[in-house]
Amino acid sequence: MTNNSEEIRAFVAIELPESVKSFLGRIAGGLERCRADVKWVKSTGMHLTLKFLGSVRTELLPAIREELEPAFGSQGKIELEVRGLGAFPGLGRPRVIWTGLNDLSGRLAALAAEVDRRTESLGFPREKRAFSAHLTLGRIRSNTARDRELAEAVRQKMDLSGPTFVADHAVLFQSVLKPSGAEYSPVFRFDFSQR
């Protein structure tokens, strides 16, 4: 762990292979040409968040590890496919540009629910919204006339089909917010079973 303070900002996520990050970087780069006021996520930091924990007391880290290891250790590999492009809450007034993930194994939502349940026992509130497998490409900072151009560019790629990959582990990440953007460092790695 890189921070000896009393608390860290943390989340649990599935790492993406470099081929997927590269693909998403190209998609975001194409959308960036619209010149809307968007903070684009660096492809090196892209990941699939299973659970955002927020501020975590460092003394809780061993308990988090102990609670989550069985959930991931009993989990077989998950096959995922990059599929679709969209915006939250919608293309009329987009706030977040995302690409979706198709869960070819059919187990990802159940895994996210299990992580949510297990972290609730440690004092982290349950998610209010249903799990939605997506990867954030960018966040709109302010509305401009260029938003229409961006929305149209997203609309033209809504049926985006990208690489397929196999997730075989998850990571508890520490997130450090910097002026240049968030930087992530792994705290614990959770390997899935090899079945």
N, C-alpha and C. Protein backbone atom coordinates (compact mmCIF):
# COMPACT_ATOMS: atom_id res chain seq x y z
N MET A 1 0.85 -1.17 0.00
CA MET A 1 0.00 0.00 0.00
C MET A 1 0.89 1.23 0.00
N THR A 2 0.51 2.24 -0.73
CA THR A 2 1.38 3.41 -0.90
C THR A 2 1.07 4.53 0.07
N ASN A 3 0.04 4.40 0.89
CA ASN A 3 -0.39 5.48 1.75
C ASN A 3 -0.51 4.97 3.18
N ASN A 4 0.18 5.60 4.12
CA ASN A 4 0.13 5.16 5.52
C ASN A 4 -0.85 5.97 6.34
N SER A 5 -1.70 6.74 5.72
CA SER A 5 -2.66 7.56 6.46
C SER A 5 -3.75 6.68 7.06
N GLU A 6 -4.62 7.28 7.82
CA GLU A 6 -5.68 6.57 8.52
C GLU A 6 -6.78 6.06 7.58
N GLU A 7 -6.96 6.74 6.46
CA GLU A 7 -8.01 6.36 5.50
C GLU A 7 -7.48 6.39 4.08
N ILE A 8 -8.06 5.54 3.25
CA ILE A 8 -7.79 5.61 1.82
C ILE A 8 -9.13 5.62 1.10
N ARG A 9 -9.12 6.10 -0.13
CA ARG A 9 -10.30 6.04 -0.99
C ARG A 9 -10.14 4.76 -1.80
N ALA A 10 -11.15 3.89 -1.78
CA ALA A 10 -10.97 2.56 -2.37
C ALA A 10 -12.20 2.07 -3.11
N PHE A 11 -11.94 1.12 -4.03
CA PHE A 11 -13.02 0.46 -4.76
C PHE A 11 -12.54 -0.93 -5.19
N VAL A 12 -13.50 -1.79 -5.48
CA VAL A 12 -13.21 -3.15 -5.95
C VAL A 12 -13.56 -3.20 -7.43
N ALA A 13 -12.63 -3.70 -8.25
CA ALA A 13 -12.85 -3.68 -9.69
C ALA A 13 -12.18 -4.85 -10.38
N ILE A 14 -12.63 -5.09 -11.59
CA ILE A 14 -11.99 -6.06 -12.48
C ILE A 14 -11.09 -5.27 -13.41
N GLU A 15 -9.83 -5.68 -13.48
CA GLU A 15 -8.89 -5.05 -14.39
C GLU A 15 -9.20 -5.45 -15.83
N LEU A 16 -8.85 -4.58 -16.75
CA LEU A 16 -9.05 -4.85 -18.17
C LEU A 16 -7.72 -5.19 -18.81
N PRO A 17 -7.72 -6.12 -19.77
CA PRO A 17 -6.49 -6.39 -20.51
C PRO A 17 -6.10 -5.18 -21.36
N GLU A 18 -4.82 -5.09 -21.68
CA GLU A 18 -4.32 -3.96 -22.47
C GLU A 18 -5.02 -3.84 -23.82
N SER A 19 -5.38 -4.98 -24.44
CA SER A 19 -6.05 -4.93 -25.74
C SER A 19 -7.40 -4.21 -25.64
N VAL A 20 -8.11 -4.41 -24.53
CA VAL A 20 -9.40 -3.76 -24.33
C VAL A 20 -9.19 -2.27 -24.04
N LYS A 21 -8.21 -1.96 -23.19
CA LYS A 21 -7.91 -0.55 -22.90
C LYS A 21 -7.53 0.20 -24.17
N SER A 22 -6.75 -0.42 -25.02
CA SER A 22 -6.34 0.20 -26.27
C SER A 22 -7.55 0.46 -27.17
N PHE A 23 -8.43 -0.53 -27.28
CA PHE A 23 -9.65 -0.39 -28.08
C PHE A 23 -10.50 0.78 -27.55
N LEU A 24 -10.69 0.83 -26.23
CA LEU A 24 -11.51 1.89 -25.64
C LEU A 24 -10.84 3.25 -25.79
N GLY A 25 -9.53 3.28 -25.72
CA GLY A 25 -8.80 4.53 -25.95
C GLY A 25 -9.04 5.08 -27.35
N ARG A 26 -9.10 4.18 -28.33
CA ARG A 26 -9.37 4.60 -29.72
C ARG A 26 -10.80 5.13 -29.85
N ILE A 27 -11.75 4.47 -29.19
CA ILE A 27 -13.16 4.92 -29.24
C ILE A 27 -13.27 6.31 -28.61
N ALA A 28 -12.69 6.46 -27.42
CA ALA A 28 -12.73 7.77 -26.74
C ALA A 28 -12.02 8.83 -27.57
N GLY A 29 -10.90 8.47 -28.19
CA GLY A 29 -10.17 9.42 -29.03
C GLY A 29 -11.02 9.92 -30.19
N GLY A 30 -11.80 9.01 -30.78
CA GLY A 30 -12.70 9.42 -31.86
C GLY A 30 -13.79 10.37 -31.38
N LEU A 31 -14.33 10.09 -30.20
CA LEU A 31 -15.38 10.95 -29.64
C LEU A 31 -14.82 12.30 -29.21
N GLU A 32 -13.58 12.31 -28.81
CA GLU A 32 -12.93 13.53 -28.34
C GLU A 32 -12.85 14.58 -29.45
N ARG A 33 -12.85 14.13 -30.68
CA ARG A 33 -12.78 15.06 -31.81
C ARG A 33 -13.98 16.00 -31.87
N CYS A 34 -15.06 15.64 -31.17
CA CYS A 34 -16.25 16.51 -31.14
C CYS A 34 -15.97 17.78 -30.33
N ARG A 35 -14.93 17.77 -29.53
CA ARG A 35 -14.49 18.91 -28.72
C ARG A 35 -15.55 19.39 -27.73
N ALA A 36 -16.39 18.46 -27.24
CA ALA A 36 -17.32 18.80 -26.15
C ALA A 36 -16.49 18.92 -24.87
N ASP A 37 -17.05 19.55 -23.86
CA ASP A 37 -16.34 19.76 -22.59
C ASP A 37 -16.45 18.48 -21.75
N VAL A 38 -15.56 17.54 -22.06
CA VAL A 38 -15.59 16.22 -21.43
C VAL A 38 -14.24 15.94 -20.79
N LYS A 39 -14.26 15.39 -19.59
CA LYS A 39 -13.04 14.88 -18.94
C LYS A 39 -12.96 13.41 -19.32
N TRP A 40 -12.08 13.08 -20.27
CA TRP A 40 -11.96 11.72 -20.77
C TRP A 40 -11.11 10.90 -19.81
N VAL A 41 -11.52 9.68 -19.56
CA VAL A 41 -10.79 8.77 -18.69
C VAL A 41 -9.57 8.26 -19.44
N LYS A 42 -8.42 8.29 -18.80
CA LYS A 42 -7.22 7.73 -19.42
C LYS A 42 -7.42 6.23 -19.59
N SER A 43 -7.10 5.71 -20.75
CA SER A 43 -7.33 4.29 -20.99
C SER A 43 -6.54 3.42 -20.02
N THR A 44 -5.40 3.91 -19.54
CA THR A 44 -4.60 3.12 -18.60
C THR A 44 -5.32 2.91 -17.27
N GLY A 45 -6.25 3.79 -16.93
CA GLY A 45 -6.97 3.67 -15.67
C GLY A 45 -8.35 3.05 -15.79
N MET A 46 -8.73 2.61 -16.98
CA MET A 46 -10.07 2.04 -17.15
C MET A 46 -10.18 0.69 -16.47
N HIS A 47 -11.34 0.46 -15.85
CA HIS A 47 -11.60 -0.78 -15.11
C HIS A 47 -13.10 -0.95 -14.99
N LEU A 48 -13.53 -2.13 -14.59
CA LEU A 48 -14.95 -2.41 -14.35
C LEU A 48 -15.18 -2.40 -12.84
N THR A 49 -15.80 -1.36 -12.34
CA THR A 49 -16.05 -1.24 -10.90
C THR A 49 -17.16 -2.20 -10.48
N LEU A 50 -16.86 -3.02 -9.48
CA LEU A 50 -17.86 -3.89 -8.87
C LEU A 50 -18.49 -3.23 -7.65
N LYS A 51 -17.67 -2.47 -6.92
CA LYS A 51 -18.17 -1.81 -5.70
C LYS A 51 -17.25 -0.64 -5.36
N PHE A 52 -17.82 0.56 -5.29
CA PHE A 52 -17.09 1.73 -4.81
C PHE A 52 -17.28 1.79 -3.30
N LEU A 53 -16.19 1.76 -2.56
CA LEU A 53 -16.26 1.78 -1.10
C LEU A 53 -16.15 3.18 -0.53
N GLY A 54 -15.46 4.07 -1.21
CA GLY A 54 -15.26 5.42 -0.69
C GLY A 54 -14.13 5.43 0.32
N SER A 55 -14.27 6.24 1.37
CA SER A 55 -13.24 6.33 2.40
C SER A 55 -13.25 5.07 3.26
N VAL A 56 -12.08 4.46 3.36
CA VAL A 56 -11.93 3.21 4.10
C VAL A 56 -10.83 3.40 5.14
N ARG A 57 -11.15 3.11 6.38
CA ARG A 57 -10.11 3.14 7.43
C ARG A 57 -9.12 2.01 7.15
N THR A 58 -7.85 2.32 7.18
CA THR A 58 -6.83 1.32 6.84
C THR A 58 -6.89 0.10 7.76
N GLU A 59 -7.35 0.27 8.98
CA GLU A 59 -7.47 -0.87 9.90
C GLU A 59 -8.51 -1.88 9.42
N LEU A 60 -9.42 -1.45 8.52
CA LEU A 60 -10.45 -2.35 7.98
C LEU A 60 -9.96 -3.19 6.80
N LEU A 61 -8.82 -2.85 6.23
CA LEU A 61 -8.34 -3.53 5.02
C LEU A 61 -8.20 -5.04 5.20
N PRO A 62 -7.62 -5.55 6.30
CA PRO A 62 -7.54 -7.00 6.46
C PRO A 62 -8.92 -7.67 6.52
N ALA A 63 -9.89 -7.01 7.15
CA ALA A 63 -11.25 -7.58 7.23
C ALA A 63 -11.90 -7.60 5.85
N ILE A 64 -11.66 -6.56 5.04
CA ILE A 64 -12.20 -6.54 3.67
C ILE A 64 -11.62 -7.71 2.88
N ARG A 65 -10.33 -7.88 3.00
CA ARG A 65 -9.67 -8.98 2.28
C ARG A 65 -10.25 -10.33 2.71
N GLU A 66 -10.37 -10.52 4.00
CA GLU A 66 -10.89 -11.79 4.54
C GLU A 66 -12.33 -12.03 4.10
N GLU A 67 -13.12 -10.98 4.04
CA GLU A 67 -14.53 -11.10 3.67
C GLU A 67 -14.70 -11.38 2.17
N LEU A 68 -13.85 -10.78 1.33
CA LEU A 68 -14.03 -10.90 -0.11
C LEU A 68 -13.30 -12.10 -0.74
N GLU A 69 -12.23 -12.58 -0.14
CA GLU A 69 -11.48 -13.69 -0.74
C GLU A 69 -12.37 -14.90 -1.05
N PRO A 70 -13.27 -15.33 -0.14
CA PRO A 70 -14.11 -16.49 -0.48
C PRO A 70 -15.05 -16.23 -1.66
N ALA A 71 -15.56 -15.00 -1.78
CA ALA A 71 -16.47 -14.67 -2.89
C ALA A 71 -15.76 -14.81 -4.22
N PHE A 72 -14.52 -14.32 -4.29
CA PHE A 72 -13.78 -14.39 -5.54
C PHE A 72 -13.15 -15.77 -5.74
N GLY A 73 -12.69 -16.38 -4.66
CA GLY A 73 -12.04 -17.69 -4.76
C GLY A 73 -12.96 -18.79 -5.25
N SER A 74 -14.27 -18.62 -5.02
CA SER A 74 -15.22 -19.62 -5.49
C SER A 74 -15.80 -19.26 -6.86
N GLN A 75 -15.36 -18.13 -7.39
CA GLN A 75 -15.86 -17.62 -8.67
C GLN A 75 -15.03 -18.15 -9.84
N GLY A 76 -15.67 -18.75 -10.80
CA GLY A 76 -14.96 -19.15 -12.02
C GLY A 76 -14.68 -17.93 -12.89
N LYS A 77 -13.85 -18.12 -13.88
CA LYS A 77 -13.53 -17.03 -14.82
C LYS A 77 -14.80 -16.53 -15.48
N ILE A 78 -14.81 -15.24 -15.80
CA ILE A 78 -15.98 -14.60 -16.40
C ILE A 78 -15.59 -14.09 -17.78
N GLU A 79 -16.36 -14.47 -18.78
CA GLU A 79 -16.11 -14.01 -20.14
C GLU A 79 -16.98 -12.79 -20.43
N LEU A 80 -16.33 -11.71 -20.87
CA LEU A 80 -17.01 -10.45 -21.11
C LEU A 80 -16.72 -9.95 -22.52
N GLU A 81 -17.66 -9.20 -23.05
CA GLU A 81 -17.51 -8.65 -24.40
C GLU A 81 -17.88 -7.17 -24.36
N VAL A 82 -17.03 -6.32 -24.90
CA VAL A 82 -17.36 -4.90 -25.03
C VAL A 82 -18.48 -4.78 -26.04
N ARG A 83 -19.60 -4.16 -25.60
CA ARG A 83 -20.78 -4.12 -26.47
C ARG A 83 -21.61 -2.88 -26.16
N GLY A 84 -21.80 -2.03 -27.16
CA GLY A 84 -22.69 -0.87 -27.03
C GLY A 84 -21.99 0.37 -26.53
N LEU A 85 -22.57 1.51 -26.85
CA LEU A 85 -22.07 2.81 -26.44
C LEU A 85 -23.28 3.65 -26.07
N GLY A 86 -23.17 4.42 -25.01
CA GLY A 86 -24.32 5.23 -24.60
C GLY A 86 -23.92 6.33 -23.65
N ALA A 87 -24.94 6.95 -23.04
CA ALA A 87 -24.72 8.05 -22.12
C ALA A 87 -25.70 7.94 -20.96
N PHE A 88 -25.24 8.31 -19.77
CA PHE A 88 -26.12 8.44 -18.61
C PHE A 88 -26.38 9.93 -18.41
N PRO A 89 -27.56 10.40 -18.08
CA PRO A 89 -28.78 9.61 -18.00
C PRO A 89 -29.39 9.32 -19.37
N GLY A 90 -28.92 9.99 -20.40
CA GLY A 90 -29.40 9.76 -21.77
C GLY A 90 -28.71 10.73 -22.71
N LEU A 91 -28.94 10.57 -23.99
CA LEU A 91 -28.27 11.41 -24.98
C LEU A 91 -28.82 12.82 -25.03
N GLY A 92 -30.02 13.07 -24.48
CA GLY A 92 -30.59 14.42 -24.46
C GLY A 92 -29.75 15.38 -23.64
N ARG A 93 -29.29 14.95 -22.47
CA ARG A 93 -28.42 15.74 -21.59
C ARG A 93 -27.39 14.80 -20.99
N PRO A 94 -26.42 14.39 -21.78
CA PRO A 94 -25.46 13.39 -21.29
C PRO A 94 -24.59 13.94 -20.17
N ARG A 95 -24.32 13.10 -19.18
CA ARG A 95 -23.39 13.45 -18.09
C ARG A 95 -22.18 12.52 -18.11
N VAL A 96 -22.42 11.26 -18.53
CA VAL A 96 -21.36 10.25 -18.58
C VAL A 96 -21.46 9.52 -19.90
N ILE A 97 -20.33 9.34 -20.58
CA ILE A 97 -20.27 8.53 -21.80
C ILE A 97 -19.69 7.18 -21.40
N TRP A 98 -20.36 6.11 -21.80
CA TRP A 98 -19.95 4.77 -21.38
C TRP A 98 -20.01 3.78 -22.53
N THR A 99 -19.31 2.68 -22.35
CA THR A 99 -19.47 1.53 -23.22
C THR A 99 -19.93 0.38 -22.33
N GLY A 100 -20.77 -0.47 -22.87
CA GLY A 100 -21.32 -1.56 -22.08
C GLY A 100 -20.46 -2.81 -22.16
N LEU A 101 -20.78 -3.73 -21.27
CA LEU A 101 -20.13 -5.04 -21.27
C LEU A 101 -21.21 -6.10 -21.28
N ASN A 102 -21.09 -7.03 -22.21
CA ASN A 102 -22.00 -8.16 -22.29
C ASN A 102 -21.38 -9.31 -21.51
N ASP A 103 -22.10 -9.80 -20.50
CA ASP A 103 -21.61 -10.88 -19.64
C ASP A 103 -21.94 -12.22 -20.29
N LEU A 104 -21.00 -12.77 -21.03
CA LEU A 104 -21.22 -14.02 -21.75
C LEU A 104 -21.31 -15.22 -20.81
N SER A 105 -20.78 -15.08 -19.59
CA SER A 105 -20.82 -16.16 -18.60
C SER A 105 -22.10 -16.13 -17.76
N GLY A 106 -22.76 -14.97 -17.71
CA GLY A 106 -24.00 -14.84 -16.95
C GLY A 106 -23.81 -14.83 -15.44
N ARG A 107 -22.61 -14.48 -14.96
CA ARG A 107 -22.37 -14.51 -13.51
C ARG A 107 -21.92 -13.18 -12.92
N LEU A 108 -21.72 -12.18 -13.73
CA LEU A 108 -21.14 -10.93 -13.26
C LEU A 108 -22.05 -10.20 -12.27
N ALA A 109 -23.33 -10.07 -12.58
CA ALA A 109 -24.25 -9.35 -11.68
C ALA A 109 -24.34 -10.04 -10.33
N ALA A 110 -24.35 -11.37 -10.33
CA ALA A 110 -24.40 -12.11 -9.06
C ALA A 110 -23.13 -11.88 -8.25
N LEU A 111 -21.99 -11.81 -8.93
CA LEU A 111 -20.73 -11.53 -8.23
C LEU A 111 -20.76 -10.13 -7.62
N ALA A 112 -21.21 -9.14 -8.38
CA ALA A 112 -21.30 -7.77 -7.85
C ALA A 112 -22.24 -7.72 -6.64
N ALA A 113 -23.35 -8.44 -6.70
CA ALA A 113 -24.29 -8.49 -5.58
C ALA A 113 -23.65 -9.14 -4.35
N GLU A 114 -22.85 -10.17 -4.57
CA GLU A 114 -22.16 -10.84 -3.46
C GLU A 114 -21.13 -9.91 -2.82
N VAL A 115 -20.40 -9.16 -3.64
CA VAL A 115 -19.43 -8.19 -3.11
C VAL A 115 -20.17 -7.12 -2.31
N ASP A 116 -21.30 -6.66 -2.82
CA ASP A 116 -22.13 -5.67 -2.14
C ASP A 116 -22.60 -6.20 -0.79
N ARG A 117 -23.09 -7.43 -0.77
CA ARG A 117 -23.59 -8.05 0.46
C ARG A 117 -22.47 -8.20 1.49
N ARG A 118 -21.34 -8.69 1.04
CA ARG A 118 -20.22 -8.93 1.96
C ARG A 118 -19.63 -7.64 2.51
N THR A 119 -19.57 -6.59 1.72
CA THR A 119 -19.03 -5.33 2.23
C THR A 119 -20.04 -4.62 3.13
N GLU A 120 -21.33 -4.88 2.93
CA GLU A 120 -22.34 -4.30 3.82
C GLU A 120 -22.11 -4.78 5.25
N SER A 121 -21.69 -6.03 5.39
CA SER A 121 -21.45 -6.56 6.74
C SER A 121 -20.30 -5.85 7.43
N LEU A 122 -19.49 -5.11 6.68
CA LEU A 122 -18.38 -4.35 7.25
C LEU A 122 -18.72 -2.86 7.40
N GLY A 123 -19.97 -2.51 7.14
CA GLY A 123 -20.41 -1.14 7.34
C GLY A 123 -20.52 -0.28 6.10
N PHE A 124 -20.32 -0.87 4.91
CA PHE A 124 -20.45 -0.09 3.67
C PHE A 124 -21.88 -0.22 3.16
N PRO A 125 -22.54 0.91 2.87
CA PRO A 125 -23.94 0.85 2.43
C PRO A 125 -24.10 0.07 1.14
N ARG A 126 -25.23 -0.61 1.03
CA ARG A 126 -25.55 -1.34 -0.20
C ARG A 126 -25.84 -0.35 -1.31
N GLU A 127 -25.60 -0.80 -2.53
CA GLU A 127 -25.90 0.02 -3.71
C GLU A 127 -27.40 0.20 -3.83
N LYS A 128 -27.82 1.41 -4.18
CA LYS A 128 -29.26 1.68 -4.35
C LYS A 128 -29.74 1.28 -5.74
N ARG A 129 -28.83 1.36 -6.72
CA ARG A 129 -29.19 1.02 -8.10
C ARG A 129 -28.72 -0.38 -8.44
N ALA A 130 -29.43 -0.99 -9.36
CA ALA A 130 -29.03 -2.32 -9.84
C ALA A 130 -27.67 -2.20 -10.54
N PHE A 131 -26.87 -3.25 -10.47
CA PHE A 131 -25.57 -3.27 -11.11
C PHE A 131 -25.73 -3.17 -12.62
N SER A 132 -24.93 -2.30 -13.23
CA SER A 132 -24.93 -2.12 -14.68
C SER A 132 -23.50 -2.25 -15.16
N ALA A 133 -23.20 -3.30 -15.90
CA ALA A 133 -21.82 -3.54 -16.35
C ALA A 133 -21.48 -2.53 -17.45
N HIS A 134 -20.66 -1.54 -17.08
CA HIS A 134 -20.26 -0.52 -18.05
C HIS A 134 -18.88 0.00 -17.70
N LEU A 135 -18.26 0.63 -18.67
CA LEU A 135 -16.96 1.25 -18.51
C LEU A 135 -17.11 2.72 -18.85
N THR A 136 -16.74 3.58 -17.94
CA THR A 136 -16.86 5.03 -18.17
C THR A 136 -15.73 5.49 -19.08
N LEU A 137 -16.11 6.14 -20.17
CA LEU A 137 -15.14 6.71 -21.10
C LEU A 137 -14.87 8.18 -20.78
N GLY A 138 -15.91 8.90 -20.36
CA GLY A 138 -15.74 10.32 -20.07
C GLY A 138 -16.90 10.88 -19.29
N ARG A 139 -16.65 12.00 -18.62
CA ARG A 139 -17.67 12.70 -17.84
C ARG A 139 -17.80 14.12 -18.39
N ILE A 140 -19.02 14.53 -18.72
CA ILE A 140 -19.26 15.86 -19.26
C ILE A 140 -19.11 16.87 -18.12
N ARG A 141 -18.26 17.87 -18.32
CA ARG A 141 -18.00 18.88 -17.28
C ARG A 141 -19.01 20.01 -17.33
N SER A 142 -19.37 20.44 -18.53
CA SER A 142 -20.36 21.50 -18.68
C SER A 142 -21.04 21.33 -20.02
N ASN A 143 -22.26 21.80 -20.08
CA ASN A 143 -23.03 21.68 -21.33
C ASN A 143 -22.60 22.77 -22.30
N THR A 144 -22.34 22.37 -23.53
CA THR A 144 -21.96 23.32 -24.57
C THR A 144 -22.71 22.96 -25.84
N ALA A 145 -22.60 23.80 -26.83
CA ALA A 145 -23.23 23.52 -28.13
C ALA A 145 -22.65 22.26 -28.75
N ARG A 146 -21.44 21.88 -28.36
CA ARG A 146 -20.80 20.68 -28.92
C ARG A 146 -21.43 19.39 -28.40
N ASP A 147 -22.26 19.48 -27.35
CA ASP A 147 -22.89 18.27 -26.81
C ASP A 147 -23.75 17.55 -27.85
N ARG A 148 -24.39 18.32 -28.72
CA ARG A 148 -25.22 17.70 -29.77
C ARG A 148 -24.37 16.88 -30.72
N GLU A 149 -23.22 17.44 -31.07
CA GLU A 149 -22.29 16.73 -31.95
C GLU A 149 -21.79 15.44 -31.28
N LEU A 150 -21.49 15.54 -29.99
CA LEU A 150 -21.06 14.36 -29.23
C LEU A 150 -22.17 13.33 -29.16
N ALA A 151 -23.38 13.78 -28.84
CA ALA A 151 -24.52 12.86 -28.76
C ALA A 151 -24.74 12.15 -30.09
N GLU A 152 -24.60 12.86 -31.19
CA GLU A 152 -24.77 12.25 -32.51
C GLU A 152 -23.66 11.24 -32.79
N ALA A 153 -22.43 11.56 -32.39
CA ALA A 153 -21.32 10.62 -32.58
C ALA A 153 -21.55 9.35 -31.76
N VAL A 154 -22.08 9.49 -30.54
CA VAL A 154 -22.40 8.31 -29.70
C VAL A 154 -23.53 7.53 -30.35
N ARG A 155 -24.56 8.24 -30.80
CA ARG A 155 -25.72 7.58 -31.42
C ARG A 155 -25.29 6.72 -32.62
N GLN A 156 -24.32 7.21 -33.39
CA GLN A 156 -23.86 6.47 -34.56
C GLN A 156 -23.09 5.20 -34.19
N LYS A 157 -22.62 5.12 -32.95
CA LYS A 157 -21.84 3.95 -32.52
C LYS A 157 -22.54 3.16 -31.42
N MET A 158 -23.84 3.34 -31.25
CA MET A 158 -24.56 2.68 -30.16
C MET A 158 -24.46 1.16 -30.24
N ASP A 159 -24.33 0.62 -31.44
CA ASP A 159 -24.24 -0.83 -31.60
C ASP A 159 -22.79 -1.31 -31.64
N LEU A 160 -21.90 -0.55 -31.05
CA LEU A 160 -20.48 -0.86 -30.99
C LEU A 160 -20.25 -2.31 -30.53
N SER A 161 -19.37 -2.99 -31.23
CA SER A 161 -18.96 -4.35 -30.85
C SER A 161 -17.46 -4.36 -30.73
N GLY A 162 -16.97 -4.78 -29.55
CA GLY A 162 -15.54 -4.75 -29.31
C GLY A 162 -14.99 -6.09 -28.90
N PRO A 163 -13.80 -6.10 -28.33
CA PRO A 163 -13.14 -7.36 -27.99
C PRO A 163 -13.84 -8.12 -26.87
N THR A 164 -13.61 -9.42 -26.89
CA THR A 164 -14.04 -10.32 -25.82
C THR A 164 -12.81 -10.63 -24.98
N PHE A 165 -13.01 -10.75 -23.66
CA PHE A 165 -11.89 -11.07 -22.78
C PHE A 165 -12.37 -11.89 -21.60
N VAL A 166 -11.44 -12.51 -20.92
CA VAL A 166 -11.75 -13.34 -19.76
C VAL A 166 -11.21 -12.66 -18.52
N ALA A 167 -12.09 -12.43 -17.54
CA ALA A 167 -11.68 -11.86 -16.26
C ALA A 167 -11.37 -13.03 -15.33
N ASP A 168 -10.15 -13.03 -14.77
CA ASP A 168 -9.77 -14.11 -13.87
C ASP A 168 -9.37 -13.62 -12.48
N HIS A 169 -9.54 -12.31 -12.24
CA HIS A 169 -9.24 -11.76 -10.92
C HIS A 169 -9.90 -10.40 -10.76
N ALA A 170 -9.98 -9.96 -9.53
CA ALA A 170 -10.44 -8.61 -9.19
C ALA A 170 -9.38 -7.98 -8.29
N VAL A 171 -9.49 -6.68 -8.09
CA VAL A 171 -8.49 -5.95 -7.31
C VAL A 171 -9.20 -4.95 -6.40
N LEU A 172 -8.71 -4.83 -5.18
CA LEU A 172 -9.08 -3.70 -4.33
C LEU A 172 -8.08 -2.61 -4.65
N PHE A 173 -8.57 -1.52 -5.21
CA PHE A 173 -7.71 -0.41 -5.61
C PHE A 173 -7.81 0.74 -4.63
N GLN A 174 -6.69 1.42 -4.46
CA GLN A 174 -6.67 2.71 -3.79
C GLN A 174 -6.72 3.76 -4.88
N SER A 175 -7.54 4.78 -4.68
CA SER A 175 -7.68 5.87 -5.63
C SER A 175 -7.18 7.15 -4.98
N VAL A 176 -6.22 7.79 -5.63
CA VAL A 176 -5.70 9.07 -5.15
C VAL A 176 -6.09 10.13 -6.17
N LEU A 177 -6.85 11.12 -5.72
CA LEU A 177 -7.30 12.19 -6.62
C LEU A 177 -6.20 13.24 -6.74
N LYS A 178 -5.83 13.53 -7.99
CA LYS A 178 -4.80 14.53 -8.29
C LYS A 178 -5.35 15.49 -9.33
N PRO A 179 -4.76 16.68 -9.46
CA PRO A 179 -5.23 17.62 -10.48
C PRO A 179 -5.21 17.01 -11.89
N SER A 180 -4.28 16.12 -12.15
CA SER A 180 -4.19 15.49 -13.47
C SER A 180 -5.19 14.35 -13.65
N GLY A 181 -5.91 14.01 -12.59
CA GLY A 181 -6.88 12.91 -12.64
C GLY A 181 -6.57 11.88 -11.57
N ALA A 182 -7.48 10.95 -11.39
CA ALA A 182 -7.30 9.92 -10.36
C ALA A 182 -6.19 8.96 -10.75
N GLU A 183 -5.41 8.55 -9.77
CA GLU A 183 -4.39 7.52 -9.97
C GLU A 183 -4.75 6.34 -9.09
N TYR A 184 -4.63 5.14 -9.65
CA TYR A 184 -5.04 3.93 -8.95
C TYR A 184 -3.84 3.04 -8.67
N SER A 185 -3.82 2.48 -7.48
CA SER A 185 -2.78 1.51 -7.16
C SER A 185 -3.43 0.31 -6.47
N PRO A 186 -2.98 -0.90 -6.81
CA PRO A 186 -3.58 -2.10 -6.23
C PRO A 186 -3.20 -2.24 -4.76
N VAL A 187 -4.18 -2.66 -3.96
CA VAL A 187 -3.95 -2.95 -2.55
C VAL A 187 -3.93 -4.47 -2.36
N PHE A 188 -5.00 -5.15 -2.85
CA PHE A 188 -5.09 -6.61 -2.81
C PHE A 188 -5.56 -7.12 -4.17
N ARG A 189 -5.09 -8.29 -4.54
CA ARG A 189 -5.58 -8.99 -5.73
C ARG A 189 -6.37 -10.21 -5.26
N PHE A 190 -7.52 -10.43 -5.89
CA PHE A 190 -8.37 -11.57 -5.58
C PHE A 190 -8.46 -12.46 -6.81
N ASP A 191 -7.81 -13.61 -6.80
CA ASP A 191 -7.87 -14.52 -7.94
C ASP A 191 -9.15 -15.33 -7.92
N PHE A 192 -9.73 -15.50 -9.10
CA PHE A 192 -10.89 -16.38 -9.24
C PHE A 192 -10.39 -17.82 -9.27
N SER A 193 -11.29 -18.76 -9.03
CA SER A 193 -10.89 -20.17 -9.13
C SER A 193 -10.59 -20.47 -10.60
N GLN A 194 -9.86 -21.54 -10.86
CA GLN A 194 -9.45 -21.87 -12.21
C GLN A 194 -10.47 -22.71 -12.97
N ARG A 195 -11.62 -22.93 -12.38
CA ARG A 195 -12.62 -23.77 -13.06
C ARG A 195 -13.27 -23.04 -14.20
